[in-house]
């Protein structure tokens, strides 16, 4: 995912509005994966839905859509630059694209201030009230760090 999401697209898009009662957050995130060579990525984000069914839109600092990830119990897809990549699960999609499973489902709990579980990830919610979350994964390799800044 890190490699594919670095492409800049030319069209801007407005994230869809959250439905009444639907969880929704936005902010910035940064991901570092200690592969050989190390990879890093940062973007704005709009996250809507739940761990079971949702949408994550990643944007450039100017608001240009870099990619949109959609998931449901039926599978997951990445929409980027007119291309669509589909897989049977969100974990399968993020592992294939970024070399590591990203805890997208756990983000919903973390953003609510709950230390939800994500295999191999340890979350630090000490600064959650300030709108800051850090999560690290040390096992299995490669190690990774995810930093999130959001509006609490």
N, C-alpha and C. Protein backbone atom coordinates (compact mmCIF):
# COMPACT_ATOMS: atom_id res chain seq x y z
N UNK A 1 0.83 -1.18 0.00
CA UNK A 1 0.00 0.00 0.00
C UNK A 1 0.88 1.25 0.00
N UNK A 2 1.98 1.19 0.76
CA UNK A 2 2.87 2.34 0.84
C UNK A 2 3.36 2.73 -0.55
N UNK A 3 3.78 1.75 -1.34
CA UNK A 3 4.30 2.05 -2.68
C UNK A 3 3.22 2.60 -3.59
N UNK A 4 2.06 2.00 -3.58
CA UNK A 4 1.01 2.41 -4.50
C UNK A 4 0.39 3.76 -4.13
N UNK A 5 0.38 4.10 -2.85
CA UNK A 5 -0.30 5.31 -2.43
C UNK A 5 0.53 6.57 -2.58
N UNK A 6 1.75 6.45 -3.06
CA UNK A 6 2.57 7.64 -3.24
C UNK A 6 2.28 8.37 -4.53
N UNK A 7 1.50 7.76 -5.40
CA UNK A 7 1.16 8.42 -6.68
C UNK A 7 0.22 9.59 -6.43
N UNK A 8 0.45 10.68 -7.11
CA UNK A 8 -0.42 11.85 -7.00
C UNK A 8 -1.42 11.84 -8.14
N UNK A 9 -2.67 12.00 -7.81
CA UNK A 9 -3.70 12.04 -8.83
C UNK A 9 -4.06 13.49 -9.13
N UNK A 10 -4.65 13.73 -10.26
CA UNK A 10 -4.95 15.10 -10.66
C UNK A 10 -6.36 15.54 -10.31
N UNK A 11 -7.26 14.64 -10.05
CA UNK A 11 -8.64 15.04 -9.77
C UNK A 11 -8.89 15.12 -8.27
N UNK A 12 -9.62 16.14 -7.86
CA UNK A 12 -10.00 16.29 -6.46
C UNK A 12 -11.34 15.61 -6.25
N UNK A 13 -11.57 15.14 -5.04
CA UNK A 13 -12.86 14.54 -4.71
C UNK A 13 -13.23 14.94 -3.31
N UNK A 14 -14.51 15.08 -3.07
CA UNK A 14 -15.01 15.40 -1.75
C UNK A 14 -15.48 14.11 -1.11
N UNK A 15 -15.02 13.82 0.13
CA UNK A 15 -15.48 12.61 0.79
C UNK A 15 -16.99 12.65 0.97
N UNK A 16 -17.63 11.48 0.89
CA UNK A 16 -19.06 11.45 1.09
C UNK A 16 -19.38 11.80 2.53
N UNK A 17 -20.54 12.38 2.76
CA UNK A 17 -20.96 12.75 4.11
C UNK A 17 -21.30 11.49 4.89
N UNK A 18 -21.03 11.53 6.20
CA UNK A 18 -21.36 10.39 7.05
C UNK A 18 -22.87 10.29 7.20
N UNK A 19 -23.38 9.08 7.17
CA UNK A 19 -24.80 8.84 7.40
C UNK A 19 -25.10 9.08 8.88
N UNK A 20 -26.34 9.43 9.22
CA UNK A 20 -26.68 9.62 10.63
C UNK A 20 -26.31 8.39 11.45
N UNK A 21 -25.61 8.60 12.55
CA UNK A 21 -25.19 7.51 13.42
C UNK A 21 -23.95 6.77 12.97
N UNK A 22 -23.41 7.12 11.81
CA UNK A 22 -22.21 6.45 11.29
C UNK A 22 -20.96 7.09 11.90
N UNK A 23 -20.01 6.26 12.31
CA UNK A 23 -18.75 6.77 12.84
C UNK A 23 -17.96 7.42 11.71
N UNK A 24 -17.35 8.58 12.01
CA UNK A 24 -16.56 9.28 10.99
C UNK A 24 -15.46 10.09 11.67
N UNK A 25 -14.25 9.99 11.13
CA UNK A 25 -13.11 10.76 11.62
C UNK A 25 -12.30 11.26 10.44
N UNK A 26 -11.54 12.33 10.70
CA UNK A 26 -10.59 12.78 9.69
C UNK A 26 -9.38 13.35 10.38
N UNK A 27 -8.29 13.43 9.64
CA UNK A 27 -7.04 13.94 10.19
C UNK A 27 -5.90 13.61 9.25
N UNK A 28 -4.73 13.34 9.85
CA UNK A 28 -3.54 12.98 9.08
C UNK A 28 -2.96 11.71 9.68
N UNK A 29 -2.35 10.91 8.83
CA UNK A 29 -1.67 9.72 9.32
C UNK A 29 -0.32 9.59 8.63
N UNK A 30 0.58 8.93 9.32
CA UNK A 30 1.91 8.65 8.77
C UNK A 30 2.24 7.20 9.10
N UNK A 31 2.73 6.48 8.13
CA UNK A 31 3.09 5.08 8.29
C UNK A 31 4.53 4.89 7.87
N UNK A 32 5.29 4.19 8.72
CA UNK A 32 6.66 3.81 8.38
C UNK A 32 6.75 2.29 8.52
N UNK A 33 7.23 1.64 7.48
CA UNK A 33 7.43 0.18 7.49
C UNK A 33 8.92 -0.06 7.29
N UNK A 34 9.52 -0.80 8.22
CA UNK A 34 10.96 -1.04 8.19
C UNK A 34 11.31 -2.24 7.32
N UNK A 35 10.97 -2.12 6.04
CA UNK A 35 11.38 -3.11 5.04
C UNK A 35 12.80 -2.80 4.61
N UNK A 36 13.29 -3.53 3.63
CA UNK A 36 14.59 -3.23 3.05
C UNK A 36 14.38 -2.89 1.59
N UNK A 37 14.36 -1.63 1.20
CA UNK A 37 14.60 -0.43 2.00
C UNK A 37 13.34 -0.02 2.78
N UNK A 38 13.53 0.80 3.82
CA UNK A 38 12.39 1.28 4.60
C UNK A 38 11.43 2.08 3.71
N UNK A 39 10.15 2.02 4.04
CA UNK A 39 9.13 2.75 3.30
C UNK A 39 8.38 3.66 4.26
N UNK A 40 7.96 4.81 3.76
CA UNK A 40 7.13 5.69 4.59
C UNK A 40 6.09 6.37 3.71
N UNK A 41 5.01 6.76 4.34
CA UNK A 41 3.89 7.36 3.64
C UNK A 41 3.14 8.24 4.61
N UNK A 42 2.67 9.39 4.16
CA UNK A 42 1.79 10.22 4.98
C UNK A 42 0.69 10.79 4.10
N UNK A 43 -0.46 11.02 4.71
CA UNK A 43 -1.61 11.52 3.95
C UNK A 43 -2.66 12.03 4.91
N UNK A 44 -3.57 12.82 4.38
CA UNK A 44 -4.78 13.13 5.10
C UNK A 44 -5.70 11.92 5.00
N UNK A 45 -6.64 11.80 5.94
CA UNK A 45 -7.57 10.68 5.86
C UNK A 45 -8.97 11.09 6.27
N UNK A 46 -9.93 10.42 5.68
CA UNK A 46 -11.34 10.46 6.08
C UNK A 46 -11.75 9.01 6.25
N UNK A 47 -12.15 8.64 7.46
CA UNK A 47 -12.51 7.27 7.79
C UNK A 47 -13.97 7.24 8.20
N UNK A 48 -14.75 6.35 7.58
CA UNK A 48 -16.17 6.24 7.87
C UNK A 48 -16.58 4.77 7.96
N UNK A 49 -17.60 4.51 8.79
CA UNK A 49 -18.16 3.17 8.85
C UNK A 49 -17.80 2.45 10.12
N UNK A 50 -17.38 1.20 9.96
CA UNK A 50 -17.03 0.34 11.09
C UNK A 50 -15.92 -0.61 10.65
N UNK A 51 -15.46 -1.40 11.59
CA UNK A 51 -14.42 -2.39 11.26
C UNK A 51 -14.95 -3.42 10.26
N UNK A 52 -16.26 -3.64 10.22
CA UNK A 52 -16.83 -4.63 9.32
C UNK A 52 -17.11 -4.07 7.92
N UNK A 53 -17.59 -2.83 7.85
CA UNK A 53 -17.95 -2.21 6.58
C UNK A 53 -17.55 -0.74 6.64
N UNK A 54 -16.68 -0.31 5.74
CA UNK A 54 -16.25 1.08 5.83
C UNK A 54 -15.54 1.58 4.60
N UNK A 55 -15.07 2.81 4.76
CA UNK A 55 -14.37 3.51 3.68
C UNK A 55 -13.26 4.36 4.28
N UNK A 56 -12.09 4.29 3.70
CA UNK A 56 -10.95 5.11 4.08
C UNK A 56 -10.48 5.84 2.84
N UNK A 57 -10.57 7.17 2.88
CA UNK A 57 -10.09 7.97 1.75
C UNK A 57 -8.81 8.65 2.19
N UNK A 58 -7.76 8.53 1.37
CA UNK A 58 -6.47 9.14 1.64
C UNK A 58 -6.28 10.30 0.67
N UNK A 59 -5.82 11.45 1.22
CA UNK A 59 -5.70 12.66 0.41
C UNK A 59 -4.34 13.31 0.57
N UNK A 60 -3.96 14.08 -0.45
CA UNK A 60 -2.72 14.87 -0.41
C UNK A 60 -2.97 16.11 0.45
N UNK A 61 -1.90 16.86 0.78
CA UNK A 61 -2.08 18.10 1.54
C UNK A 61 -3.00 19.11 0.84
N UNK A 62 -3.13 19.02 -0.48
CA UNK A 62 -4.00 19.93 -1.22
C UNK A 62 -5.42 19.40 -1.36
N UNK A 63 -5.70 18.24 -0.79
CA UNK A 63 -7.04 17.68 -0.84
C UNK A 63 -7.30 16.75 -2.01
N UNK A 64 -6.29 16.48 -2.81
CA UNK A 64 -6.43 15.56 -3.94
C UNK A 64 -6.54 14.13 -3.41
N UNK A 65 -7.48 13.38 -3.93
CA UNK A 65 -7.64 11.99 -3.51
C UNK A 65 -6.48 11.16 -4.05
N UNK A 66 -5.76 10.51 -3.13
CA UNK A 66 -4.69 9.59 -3.52
C UNK A 66 -5.24 8.19 -3.74
N UNK A 67 -6.13 7.77 -2.85
CA UNK A 67 -6.71 6.42 -2.95
C UNK A 67 -7.92 6.33 -2.04
N UNK A 68 -8.79 5.40 -2.36
CA UNK A 68 -9.93 5.08 -1.52
C UNK A 68 -9.95 3.58 -1.30
N UNK A 69 -10.08 3.18 -0.04
CA UNK A 69 -10.17 1.77 0.32
C UNK A 69 -11.58 1.53 0.86
N UNK A 70 -12.27 0.54 0.32
CA UNK A 70 -13.61 0.16 0.75
C UNK A 70 -13.58 -1.29 1.20
N UNK A 71 -14.33 -1.62 2.26
CA UNK A 71 -14.37 -3.01 2.70
C UNK A 71 -15.75 -3.35 3.26
N UNK A 72 -16.04 -4.64 3.20
CA UNK A 72 -17.28 -5.21 3.73
C UNK A 72 -17.00 -6.68 4.00
N UNK A 73 -17.97 -7.40 4.58
CA UNK A 73 -17.75 -8.84 4.77
C UNK A 73 -17.50 -9.60 3.46
N UNK A 74 -17.90 -9.03 2.34
CA UNK A 74 -17.70 -9.69 1.05
C UNK A 74 -16.31 -9.47 0.46
N UNK A 75 -15.53 -8.52 0.98
CA UNK A 75 -14.19 -8.29 0.45
C UNK A 75 -13.76 -6.85 0.61
N UNK A 76 -12.63 -6.52 -0.03
CA UNK A 76 -12.06 -5.18 0.07
C UNK A 76 -11.54 -4.76 -1.29
N UNK A 77 -11.54 -3.45 -1.52
CA UNK A 77 -10.99 -2.95 -2.78
C UNK A 77 -10.29 -1.63 -2.57
N UNK A 78 -9.28 -1.43 -3.40
CA UNK A 78 -8.52 -0.19 -3.46
C UNK A 78 -8.85 0.47 -4.79
N UNK A 79 -9.26 1.73 -4.73
CA UNK A 79 -9.50 2.51 -5.94
C UNK A 79 -8.43 3.59 -6.00
N UNK A 80 -7.65 3.55 -7.07
CA UNK A 80 -6.55 4.50 -7.18
C UNK A 80 -6.25 4.76 -8.65
N UNK A 81 -6.31 6.02 -9.03
CA UNK A 81 -5.94 6.40 -10.39
C UNK A 81 -6.70 5.67 -11.47
N UNK A 82 -7.98 5.43 -11.27
CA UNK A 82 -8.77 4.75 -12.28
C UNK A 82 -8.63 3.23 -12.26
N UNK A 83 -7.80 2.71 -11.38
CA UNK A 83 -7.61 1.27 -11.26
C UNK A 83 -8.29 0.77 -9.99
N UNK A 84 -8.80 -0.44 -10.03
CA UNK A 84 -9.43 -1.05 -8.87
C UNK A 84 -8.74 -2.38 -8.60
N UNK A 85 -8.29 -2.56 -7.35
CA UNK A 85 -7.69 -3.81 -6.90
C UNK A 85 -8.63 -4.41 -5.87
N UNK A 86 -9.08 -5.65 -6.09
CA UNK A 86 -10.01 -6.31 -5.18
C UNK A 86 -9.37 -7.54 -4.56
N UNK A 87 -9.66 -7.75 -3.28
CA UNK A 87 -9.20 -8.94 -2.57
C UNK A 87 -10.32 -9.43 -1.66
N UNK A 88 -10.15 -10.63 -1.12
CA UNK A 88 -11.21 -11.24 -0.31
C UNK A 88 -11.35 -10.62 1.07
N UNK A 89 -10.31 -9.91 1.56
CA UNK A 89 -10.39 -9.28 2.88
C UNK A 89 -9.52 -8.03 2.92
N UNK A 90 -9.79 -7.20 3.90
CA UNK A 90 -9.00 -5.99 4.09
C UNK A 90 -7.57 -6.33 4.47
N UNK A 91 -7.39 -7.34 5.32
CA UNK A 91 -6.02 -7.75 5.69
C UNK A 91 -5.23 -8.23 4.48
N UNK A 92 -5.87 -9.01 3.62
CA UNK A 92 -5.19 -9.50 2.41
C UNK A 92 -4.79 -8.33 1.51
N UNK A 93 -5.68 -7.37 1.36
CA UNK A 93 -5.40 -6.21 0.51
C UNK A 93 -4.24 -5.39 1.05
N UNK A 94 -4.27 -5.05 2.35
CA UNK A 94 -3.20 -4.21 2.89
C UNK A 94 -1.87 -4.93 2.94
N UNK A 95 -1.88 -6.23 3.20
CA UNK A 95 -0.62 -6.99 3.21
C UNK A 95 0.00 -7.03 1.82
N UNK A 96 -0.81 -7.27 0.82
CA UNK A 96 -0.30 -7.33 -0.55
C UNK A 96 0.28 -5.99 -0.99
N UNK A 97 -0.40 -4.92 -0.64
CA UNK A 97 0.01 -3.61 -1.12
C UNK A 97 1.14 -2.98 -0.33
N UNK A 98 1.18 -3.24 0.97
CA UNK A 98 2.17 -2.57 1.81
C UNK A 98 3.19 -3.47 2.46
N UNK A 99 3.07 -4.77 2.26
CA UNK A 99 4.04 -5.67 2.86
C UNK A 99 3.78 -5.97 4.32
N UNK A 100 2.71 -5.42 4.88
CA UNK A 100 2.36 -5.66 6.27
C UNK A 100 0.86 -5.44 6.43
N UNK A 101 0.26 -6.17 7.36
CA UNK A 101 -1.15 -5.97 7.63
C UNK A 101 -1.31 -4.67 8.39
N UNK A 102 -2.16 -3.79 7.88
CA UNK A 102 -2.42 -2.52 8.55
C UNK A 102 -3.69 -2.64 9.38
N UNK A 103 -3.72 -2.06 10.57
CA UNK A 103 -4.84 -2.25 11.49
C UNK A 103 -6.03 -1.33 11.21
N UNK A 104 -6.52 -1.31 9.98
CA UNK A 104 -7.61 -0.39 9.63
C UNK A 104 -8.83 -0.66 10.50
N UNK A 105 -9.18 -1.91 10.71
CA UNK A 105 -10.33 -2.23 11.55
C UNK A 105 -10.18 -1.73 12.98
N UNK A 106 -8.98 -1.85 13.55
CA UNK A 106 -8.73 -1.40 14.92
C UNK A 106 -8.75 0.12 15.04
N UNK A 107 -8.56 0.83 13.95
CA UNK A 107 -8.57 2.30 14.01
C UNK A 107 -9.86 2.83 14.62
N UNK A 108 -10.97 2.17 14.35
CA UNK A 108 -12.25 2.63 14.89
C UNK A 108 -12.24 2.63 16.41
N UNK A 109 -11.71 1.57 17.01
CA UNK A 109 -11.62 1.50 18.47
C UNK A 109 -10.60 2.51 18.98
N UNK A 110 -9.45 2.59 18.34
CA UNK A 110 -8.41 3.51 18.78
C UNK A 110 -8.90 4.95 18.74
N UNK A 111 -9.59 5.32 17.68
CA UNK A 111 -10.09 6.70 17.56
C UNK A 111 -11.15 7.01 18.61
N UNK A 112 -11.79 5.98 19.15
CA UNK A 112 -12.75 6.17 20.24
C UNK A 112 -12.06 6.12 21.60
N UNK A 113 -10.74 5.94 21.61
CA UNK A 113 -9.99 5.91 22.86
C UNK A 113 -9.94 4.54 23.51
N UNK A 114 -10.29 3.50 22.77
CA UNK A 114 -10.27 2.13 23.29
C UNK A 114 -9.07 1.39 22.71
N UNK A 115 -8.38 0.67 23.57
CA UNK A 115 -7.20 -0.08 23.13
C UNK A 115 -7.62 -1.39 22.49
N UNK A 116 -8.29 -1.31 21.37
CA UNK A 116 -8.73 -2.50 20.64
C UNK A 116 -7.55 -3.32 20.16
N UNK A 117 -7.80 -4.58 19.93
CA UNK A 117 -6.70 -5.46 19.54
C UNK A 117 -6.50 -5.49 18.03
N UNK A 118 -5.26 -5.53 17.66
CA UNK A 118 -4.84 -5.72 16.28
C UNK A 118 -3.59 -6.58 16.35
N UNK A 119 -3.62 -7.73 15.74
CA UNK A 119 -2.55 -8.71 15.85
C UNK A 119 -1.17 -8.09 15.64
N UNK A 120 -0.34 -8.17 16.69
CA UNK A 120 1.03 -7.69 16.62
C UNK A 120 1.21 -6.20 16.88
N UNK A 121 0.13 -5.44 16.95
CA UNK A 121 0.20 -3.98 17.14
C UNK A 121 -0.02 -3.63 18.60
N UNK A 122 0.78 -2.67 19.10
CA UNK A 122 0.59 -2.10 20.43
C UNK A 122 0.27 -0.62 20.23
N UNK A 123 -0.86 -0.19 20.77
CA UNK A 123 -1.30 1.19 20.59
C UNK A 123 -1.01 2.00 21.85
N UNK A 124 -0.59 3.24 21.66
CA UNK A 124 -0.35 4.18 22.75
C UNK A 124 -1.43 5.26 22.65
N UNK A 125 -2.35 5.25 23.61
CA UNK A 125 -3.46 6.21 23.62
C UNK A 125 -3.25 7.31 24.66
N UNK A 126 -2.03 7.46 25.18
CA UNK A 126 -1.76 8.45 26.22
C UNK A 126 -2.13 9.87 25.79
N UNK A 127 -2.04 10.18 24.50
CA UNK A 127 -2.34 11.53 24.01
C UNK A 127 -3.63 11.57 23.18
N UNK A 128 -4.48 10.58 23.38
CA UNK A 128 -5.74 10.50 22.64
C UNK A 128 -6.58 11.77 22.82
N UNK A 129 -6.66 12.29 24.03
CA UNK A 129 -7.46 13.49 24.29
C UNK A 129 -6.95 14.70 23.50
N UNK A 130 -5.67 14.67 23.13
CA UNK A 130 -5.07 15.74 22.31
C UNK A 130 -5.22 15.45 20.82
N UNK A 131 -5.82 14.32 20.48
CA UNK A 131 -5.99 13.95 19.08
C UNK A 131 -4.76 13.30 18.48
N UNK A 132 -4.01 12.56 19.30
CA UNK A 132 -2.79 11.90 18.81
C UNK A 132 -2.76 10.44 19.25
N UNK A 133 -2.48 9.57 18.30
CA UNK A 133 -2.37 8.13 18.56
C UNK A 133 -1.10 7.63 17.87
N UNK A 134 -0.39 6.75 18.56
CA UNK A 134 0.77 6.08 17.97
C UNK A 134 0.57 4.58 18.16
N UNK A 135 0.82 3.81 17.12
CA UNK A 135 0.75 2.35 17.21
C UNK A 135 2.01 1.78 16.58
N UNK A 136 2.54 0.73 17.21
CA UNK A 136 3.75 0.09 16.71
C UNK A 136 3.52 -1.41 16.58
N UNK A 137 4.13 -1.96 15.55
CA UNK A 137 4.10 -3.40 15.37
C UNK A 137 5.53 -3.89 15.29
N UNK A 138 5.86 -4.84 16.17
CA UNK A 138 7.22 -5.38 16.19
C UNK A 138 7.27 -6.82 15.71
N UNK A 139 6.13 -7.50 15.75
CA UNK A 139 6.11 -8.90 15.34
C UNK A 139 4.77 -9.21 14.70
N UNK A 140 4.77 -9.91 13.60
CA UNK A 140 5.91 -10.41 12.85
C UNK A 140 6.56 -9.29 12.04
N UNK A 141 7.81 -9.52 11.60
CA UNK A 141 8.49 -8.53 10.78
C UNK A 141 7.73 -8.29 9.49
N UNK A 142 7.88 -7.16 8.88
CA UNK A 142 8.73 -6.04 9.28
C UNK A 142 8.05 -5.20 10.36
N UNK A 143 8.87 -4.52 11.16
CA UNK A 143 8.30 -3.62 12.16
C UNK A 143 7.67 -2.43 11.44
N UNK A 144 6.71 -1.82 12.11
CA UNK A 144 6.00 -0.69 11.50
C UNK A 144 5.54 0.26 12.60
N UNK A 145 5.37 1.52 12.22
CA UNK A 145 4.85 2.53 13.15
C UNK A 145 3.80 3.36 12.42
N UNK A 146 2.67 3.55 13.08
CA UNK A 146 1.58 4.34 12.54
C UNK A 146 1.31 5.49 13.50
N UNK A 147 1.35 6.71 12.98
CA UNK A 147 1.04 7.90 13.79
C UNK A 147 -0.20 8.56 13.21
N UNK A 148 -1.11 8.94 14.09
CA UNK A 148 -2.37 9.54 13.66
C UNK A 148 -2.61 10.82 14.44
N UNK A 149 -2.98 11.87 13.73
CA UNK A 149 -3.41 13.13 14.34
C UNK A 149 -4.83 13.36 13.84
N UNK A 150 -5.76 13.58 14.78
CA UNK A 150 -7.16 13.72 14.40
C UNK A 150 -7.84 14.74 15.30
N UNK A 151 -9.03 15.14 14.92
CA UNK A 151 -9.84 16.07 15.70
C UNK A 151 -10.62 15.25 16.73
N UNK A 152 -10.25 15.37 18.04
CA UNK A 152 -10.93 14.54 19.06
C UNK A 152 -12.39 14.93 19.27
